[in-house]
C-alpha atoms as a PDB file:
ATOM      1  CA  UNK A   1      21.266 221.926  75.619  1.00  0.00           C
ATOM      2  CA  UNK A   2      24.304 220.349  77.476  1.00  0.00           C
ATOM      3  CA  UNK A   3      26.668 222.923  79.110  1.00  0.00           C
ATOM      4  CA  UNK A   4      29.490 221.971  77.227  1.00  0.00           C
ATOM      5  CA  UNK A   5      27.630 222.829  73.551  1.00  0.00           C
ATOM      6  CA  UNK A   6      26.826 226.306  74.735  1.00  0.00           C
ATOM      7  CA  UNK A   7      30.358 227.038  76.270  1.00  0.00           C
ATOM      8  CA  UNK A   8      31.436 225.636  72.665  1.00  0.00           C
ATOM      9  CA  UNK A   9      29.053 228.361  70.759  1.00  0.00           C
ATOM     10  CA  UNK A  10      30.262 231.054  73.334  1.00  0.00           C
ATOM     11  CA  UNK A  11      33.687 230.786  72.741  1.00  0.00           C
ATOM     12  CA  UNK A  12      33.163 230.379  68.986  1.00  0.00           C
ATOM     13  CA  UNK A  13      31.469 233.125  69.052  1.00  0.00           C
ATOM     14  CA  UNK A  14      33.534 235.464  70.926  1.00  0.00           C
ATOM     15  CA  UNK A  15      36.437 234.336  68.890  1.00  0.00           C
ATOM     16  CA  UNK A  16      34.683 235.251  65.706  1.00  0.00           C
ATOM     17  CA  UNK A  17      33.793 239.192  67.333  1.00  0.00           C
ATOM     18  CA  UNK A  18      36.907 239.417  68.094  1.00  0.00           C
ATOM     19  CA  UNK A  19      38.911 238.790  64.556  1.00  0.00           C
ATOM     20  CA  UNK A  20      35.773 240.689  63.029  1.00  0.00           C
ATOM     21  CA  UNK A  21      36.820 243.986  65.311  1.00  0.00           C
ATOM     22  CA  UNK A  22      40.894 243.079  65.325  1.00  0.00           C
ATOM     23  CA  UNK A  23      40.210 243.504  61.400  1.00  0.00           C
ATOM     24  CA  UNK A  24      38.404 246.554  61.271  1.00  0.00           C
ATOM     25  CA  UNK A  25      40.789 248.323  63.404  1.00  0.00           C
ATOM     26  CA  UNK A  26      43.362 247.429  61.129  1.00  0.00           C
ATOM     27  CA  UNK A  27      41.336 248.577  58.234  1.00  0.00           C
ATOM     28  CA  UNK A  28      40.047 251.388  60.058  1.00  0.00           C
ATOM     29  CA  UNK A  29      43.933 252.580  60.782  1.00  0.00           C
ATOM     30  CA  UNK A  30      45.141 251.389  57.274  1.00  0.00           C
ATOM     31  CA  UNK A  31      42.744 253.500  55.405  1.00  0.00           C
ATOM     32  CA  UNK A  32      43.130 256.592  57.837  1.00  0.00           C
ATOM     33  CA  UNK A  33      46.948 256.344  57.565  1.00  0.00           C
ATOM     34  CA  UNK A  34      46.587 256.526  53.686  1.00  0.00           C
ATOM     35  CA  UNK A  35      44.433 259.075  53.403  1.00  0.00           C
ATOM     36  CA  UNK A  36      45.927 261.627  55.955  1.00  0.00           C
ATOM     37  CA  UNK A  37      49.557 260.539  53.726  1.00  0.00           C
ATOM     38  CA  UNK A  38      48.476 260.783  50.658  1.00  0.00           C
ATOM     39  CA  UNK A  39      46.793 264.380  51.853  1.00  0.00           C
ATOM     40  CA  UNK A  40      50.062 265.644  53.313  1.00  0.00           C
ATOM     41  CA  UNK A  41      51.529 264.587  49.438  1.00  0.00           C
ATOM     42  CA  UNK A  42      49.678 266.205  47.711  1.00  0.00           C
ATOM     43  CA  UNK A  43      49.165 269.161  49.504  1.00  0.00           C
ATOM     44  CA  UNK A  44      53.204 269.078  49.117  1.00  0.00           C
ATOM     45  CA  UNK A  45      52.975 269.019  45.648  1.00  0.00           C
ATOM     46  CA  UNK A  46      50.467 271.719  44.880  1.00  0.00           C
ATOM     47  CA  UNK A  47      47.700 273.265  47.520  1.00  0.00           C
ATOM     48  CA  UNK A  48      45.689 274.104  44.226  1.00  0.00           C
ATOM     49  CA  UNK A  49      45.399 271.173  42.933  1.00  0.00           C
ATOM     50  CA  UNK A  50      44.662 269.626  46.282  1.00  0.00           C
ATOM     51  CA  UNK A  51      42.045 272.066  46.537  1.00  0.00           C
ATOM     52  CA  UNK A  52      40.820 271.726  43.270  1.00  0.00           C
ATOM     53  CA  UNK A  53      40.570 267.394  43.714  1.00  0.00           C
ATOM     54  CA  UNK A  54      38.733 267.849  46.906  1.00  0.00           C
ATOM     55  CA  UNK A  55      35.948 270.412  45.845  1.00  0.00           C
ATOM     56  CA  UNK A  56      34.143 267.502  43.997  1.00  0.00           C
ATOM     57  CA  UNK A  57      33.733 265.804  47.127  1.00  0.00           C
ATOM     58  CA  UNK A  58      30.526 266.639  48.200  1.00  0.00           C
ATOM     59  CA  UNK A  59      28.887 265.656  44.543  1.00  0.00           C
ATOM     60  CA  UNK A  60      30.417 262.536  44.672  1.00  0.00           C
ATOM     61  CA  UNK A  61      28.739 262.129  48.630  1.00  0.00           C
ATOM     62  CA  UNK A  62      26.079 263.152  46.979  1.00  0.00           C
ATOM     63  CA  UNK A  63      25.646 261.095  43.983  1.00  0.00           C
ATOM     64  CA  UNK A  64      26.918 257.874  45.333  1.00  0.00           C
ATOM     65  CA  UNK A  65      23.782 256.202  46.669  1.00  0.00           C
ATOM     66  CA  UNK A  66      22.539 256.387  43.241  1.00  0.00           C
ATOM     67  CA  UNK A  67      24.875 255.152  41.137  1.00  0.00           C
ATOM     68  CA  UNK A  68      24.389 251.479  41.976  1.00  0.00           C
ATOM     69  CA  UNK A  69      20.776 251.838  40.880  1.00  0.00           C
ATOM     70  CA  UNK A  70      21.080 253.099  37.743  1.00  0.00           C
ATOM     71  CA  UNK A  71      24.044 250.962  36.686  1.00  0.00           C
ATOM     72  CA  UNK A  72      22.256 247.967  34.733  1.00  0.00           C
ATOM     73  CA  UNK A  73      25.786 245.906  34.897  1.00  0.00           C
ATOM     74  CA  UNK A  74      25.420 246.316  38.968  1.00  0.00           C
ATOM     75  CA  UNK A  75      22.177 244.677  39.372  1.00  0.00           C
ATOM     76  CA  UNK A  76      22.827 241.841  36.423  1.00  0.00           C
ATOM     77  CA  UNK A  77      24.471 239.515  38.689  1.00  0.00           C
ATOM     78  CA  UNK A  78      21.443 239.907  40.981  1.00  0.00           C
ATOM     79  CA  UNK A  79      19.389 239.089  38.078  1.00  0.00           C
ATOM     80  CA  UNK A  80      21.319 235.924  37.313  1.00  0.00           C
ATOM     81  CA  UNK A  81      21.537 234.642  40.937  1.00  0.00           C
ATOM     82  CA  UNK A  82      17.369 235.041  41.328  1.00  0.00           C
ATOM     83  CA  UNK A  83      16.871 233.336  37.887  1.00  0.00           C
ATOM     84  CA  UNK A  84      18.463 230.035  39.180  1.00  0.00           C
END
């Protein structure tokens, strides 16, 4: 493999990794900002209502992995793709 091709591949790979990490950091910051600001607003409106809304969060975390496996609408596109 010529050295120019190796350099080209390395440059392209590093550019792709840099773009991925840049967008990942940006999305993480945006998500955290949205979470903190919405929590602050809901706490300012009503502490009791905020705590009531957040009280189901542990249950949602426990149930979440089993939801896609039970939902036939989510499995349908994979069946259609495998049938082709």
